[in-house]
Structures are given as C-alpha cells and as structure tokens.
Amino acid sequence: ACALGRSPPPPRAAVRCLAAGACFSAHLANVSYAEARGACHQRRGSLAWVTGEQELDLLLELLADAAVPAPAVFWVGLKRNASACTHNEQPLRGFSWEGVGGGTAPQEVPAALGQWLQEPLPSCITARCAGLHLAPFPRGDRRWGWKE
C-alpha cells in the first residue's frame, strides 16, 4: 500500500513492512485522490489502509522517516461512496477502506483509529475521500488525524 502526499519527493524511497507481510511505501506528489490511486496501482499496490494501531504506527513512522514536512496531507484508501451516509457515532464516520483489487478491507476498526482532525460534512448523496493529515506539535512530535 502507498501513501501519496503534496510535497517534493524525498531523497530516497521510504518503505516499512510488518512481520505479517503488509508493506507501506511513501511517494510524495501533488496529485488528486484518483491520480494517487492510479499511481499506487501502477506500483502494483493500493492506497494505504489501516485496520489497527500497529499498522497506523508503522505508517506514521514511515512518513516521519521520509522527512515529510508538516503540515501535510496524504491520500490513503479512505472513501465514502455517494450511497453511504456520514455516521458520527462510528470511528470512520461512514467511510470505508478501499482494498486491493477493488475490494474493501475489514470495516471493524478500533476506536483509536477514529481520530478526525475535522469532522466530515454530513451527507448521504456525495462521494468523498479522506486523507491522513500530519501537523506539527510542540517538542517536535507529530499530531495526526483523518481529514475529508
């Protein structure tokens, strides 16, 4: 899976893998969601999706190692179809993960992954996508959240 952002390319490719075999790579470019999805597909992957805190930690570590300047927004495979409604009581607010080959990742996600920097707009008729937003935080730490 890959995450594309809106910054100049890093001096080297950044890749991180879990012991279970899932790998994440960072590719930095100023592109739309559709272009990011296509670029990941060309690399034989998909936009990144996370189903647990271990995957999220690995993705955040990858982006930190890629020397990504903050603030930055990265396209990940988080999308709400036009027929789906916003659900404020759910961690992903009615969004779901686009999986490899057009399928979807498991929808059960821990509440800890429901960190939205800004709540998505309520809707049941418009397709929307969300990205991973990184923001600078005091002491050099990074703050993250999903952003529609």
Protein backbone atom coordinates (compact mmCIF):
# COMPACT_ATOMS: atom_id res chain seq x y z
CA ALA A 1 0.00 0.00 0.00
CA CYS A 2 1.23 3.51 -0.56
CA ALA A 3 0.50 7.00 0.68
CA LEU A 4 0.91 9.97 -1.63
CA GLY A 5 1.31 13.48 -0.33
CA ARG A 6 1.73 17.04 -1.58
CA SER A 7 5.44 17.71 -1.04
CA PRO A 8 8.66 17.48 -3.06
CA PRO A 9 9.97 13.91 -3.42
CA PRO A 10 12.21 12.59 -0.65
CA PRO A 11 15.87 11.91 -1.41
CA ARG A 12 15.29 8.16 -1.10
CA ALA A 13 12.38 5.75 -1.21
CA ALA A 14 10.80 5.11 2.18
CA VAL A 15 9.39 1.62 2.84
CA ARG A 16 8.26 -0.16 6.02
CA CYS A 17 6.88 -3.70 6.39
CA LEU A 18 5.08 -5.57 9.15
CA ALA A 19 6.17 -9.09 10.12
CA ALA A 20 2.82 -10.32 8.76
CA GLY A 21 3.91 -9.22 5.27
CA ALA A 22 2.00 -5.97 4.70
CA CYS A 23 4.26 -3.18 3.43
CA PHE A 24 3.80 0.59 3.20
CA SER A 25 5.74 2.97 0.97
CA ALA A 26 5.67 6.76 0.77
CA HIS A 27 5.58 8.54 -2.60
CA LEU A 28 5.30 12.30 -2.47
CA ALA A 29 3.45 14.15 -5.23
CA ASN A 30 0.84 16.89 -5.61
CA VAL A 31 -1.99 14.79 -7.11
CA SER A 32 -5.72 14.13 -6.77
CA TYR A 33 -7.18 11.09 -4.99
CA ALA A 34 -7.83 9.36 -8.34
CA GLU A 35 -4.29 10.09 -9.56
CA ALA A 36 -2.83 8.80 -6.27
CA ARG A 37 -4.88 5.60 -6.53
CA GLY A 38 -3.71 5.13 -10.14
CA ALA A 39 -0.06 5.73 -9.21
CA CYS A 40 -0.27 3.13 -6.45
CA HIS A 41 -1.95 0.69 -8.83
CA GLN A 42 0.92 1.18 -11.31
CA ARG A 43 3.29 0.21 -8.48
CA ARG A 44 1.26 -3.00 -8.02
CA GLY A 45 -0.30 -1.78 -4.78
CA SER A 46 -3.20 0.26 -3.49
CA LEU A 47 -3.71 3.34 -1.39
CA ALA A 48 -2.81 2.55 2.21
CA TRP A 49 -5.44 1.31 4.64
CA VAL A 50 -5.04 0.52 8.30
CA THR A 51 -7.15 -1.75 10.49
CA GLY A 52 -5.22 -1.41 13.74
CA GLU A 53 -2.87 0.73 15.78
CA GLN A 54 0.21 -1.32 14.78
CA GLU A 55 -0.36 -0.50 11.10
CA LEU A 56 -1.05 3.16 11.89
CA ASP A 57 2.14 3.43 13.97
CA LEU A 58 4.14 1.89 11.11
CA LEU A 59 2.63 4.31 8.58
CA LEU A 60 3.32 7.33 10.81
CA GLU A 61 6.91 6.11 11.36
CA LEU A 62 7.34 5.69 7.61
CA LEU A 63 6.19 9.25 6.93
CA ALA A 64 8.47 10.62 9.67
CA ASP A 65 11.44 8.73 8.17
CA ALA A 66 10.60 10.11 4.72
CA ALA A 67 11.33 13.56 6.20
CA VAL A 68 7.86 14.77 5.33
CA PRO A 69 7.41 18.42 6.30
CA ALA A 70 4.39 19.12 8.48
CA PRO A 71 1.67 20.06 7.91
CA ALA A 72 0.98 17.57 5.12
CA VAL A 73 -1.98 15.56 3.86
CA PHE A 74 -1.58 12.07 2.40
CA TRP A 75 -4.12 10.23 0.34
CA VAL A 76 -4.98 6.87 1.85
CA GLY A 77 -7.72 4.48 0.73
CA LEU A 78 -10.39 6.08 2.94
CA LYS A 79 -13.54 6.81 0.94
CA ARG A 80 -17.30 7.24 1.43
CA ASN A 81 -19.42 6.29 -1.56
CA ALA A 82 -22.30 8.50 -2.68
CA SER A 83 -24.83 5.97 -1.36
CA ALA A 84 -23.24 5.89 2.13
CA CYS A 85 -24.12 8.36 4.86
CA THR A 86 -21.95 10.14 7.40
CA HIS A 87 -22.21 8.32 10.76
CA ASN A 88 -20.72 10.40 13.57
CA GLU A 89 -21.02 7.50 16.04
CA GLN A 90 -18.62 5.29 14.01
CA PRO A 91 -14.79 5.70 14.17
CA LEU A 92 -14.52 6.12 10.38
CA ARG A 93 -17.74 8.20 10.20
CA GLY A 94 -19.23 6.04 7.42
CA PHE A 95 -16.03 5.99 5.35
CA SER A 96 -14.52 2.63 4.41
CA TRP A 97 -11.14 1.38 3.23
CA GLU A 98 -10.67 0.63 -0.46
CA GLY A 99 -8.76 -2.64 -0.65
CA VAL A 100 -6.57 -4.31 -3.22
CA GLY A 101 -8.33 -5.27 -6.44
CA GLY A 102 -11.37 -3.08 -5.79
CA GLY A 103 -12.44 -4.98 -2.67
CA THR A 104 -12.74 -3.47 0.74
CA ALA A 105 -10.74 -4.00 3.89
CA PRO A 106 -12.46 -5.19 7.09
CA GLN A 107 -14.70 -2.43 8.40
CA GLU A 108 -14.35 -3.18 12.11
CA VAL A 109 -11.75 -0.71 13.35
CA PRO A 110 -10.58 0.18 16.84
CA ALA A 111 -11.99 3.41 18.29
CA ALA A 112 -8.39 4.73 18.49
CA LEU A 113 -8.38 4.99 14.68
CA GLY A 114 -11.35 7.35 14.78
CA GLN A 115 -9.22 10.46 15.22
CA TRP A 116 -10.57 13.15 12.91
CA LEU A 117 -8.79 16.48 12.66
CA GLN A 118 -12.03 17.94 11.37
CA GLU A 119 -15.37 16.14 11.32
CA PRO A 120 -16.55 15.21 7.81
CA LEU A 121 -19.54 17.04 6.36
CA PRO A 122 -22.87 15.24 6.88
CA SER A 123 -24.07 13.75 3.60
CA CYS A 124 -25.77 10.73 2.06
CA ILE A 125 -25.52 11.74 -1.61
CA THR A 126 -21.92 12.79 -2.29
CA ALA A 127 -18.86 10.56 -2.66
CA ARG A 128 -15.99 11.86 -0.53
CA CYS A 129 -12.46 10.78 0.29
CA ALA A 130 -10.28 11.47 3.30
CA GLY A 131 -6.56 11.74 3.86
CA LEU A 132 -4.13 11.37 6.71
CA HIS A 133 -3.23 14.84 7.96
CA LEU A 134 0.05 15.37 9.81
CA ALA A 135 0.52 18.57 11.80
CA PRO A 136 3.49 19.88 13.77
CA PHE A 137 3.16 19.59 17.52
CA PRO A 138 5.28 21.06 20.34
CA ARG A 139 8.56 19.26 21.12
CA GLY A 140 8.88 18.00 17.54
CA ASP A 141 6.13 15.39 17.89
CA ARG A 142 3.55 14.96 15.16
CA ARG A 143 -0.17 15.13 15.55
CA TRP A 144 -2.31 13.21 13.10
CA GLY A 145 -5.97 12.89 12.15
CA TRP A 146 -8.19 11.99 9.23
CA LYS A 147 -9.38 14.92 7.14
CA GLU A 148 -12.10 14.89 4.49
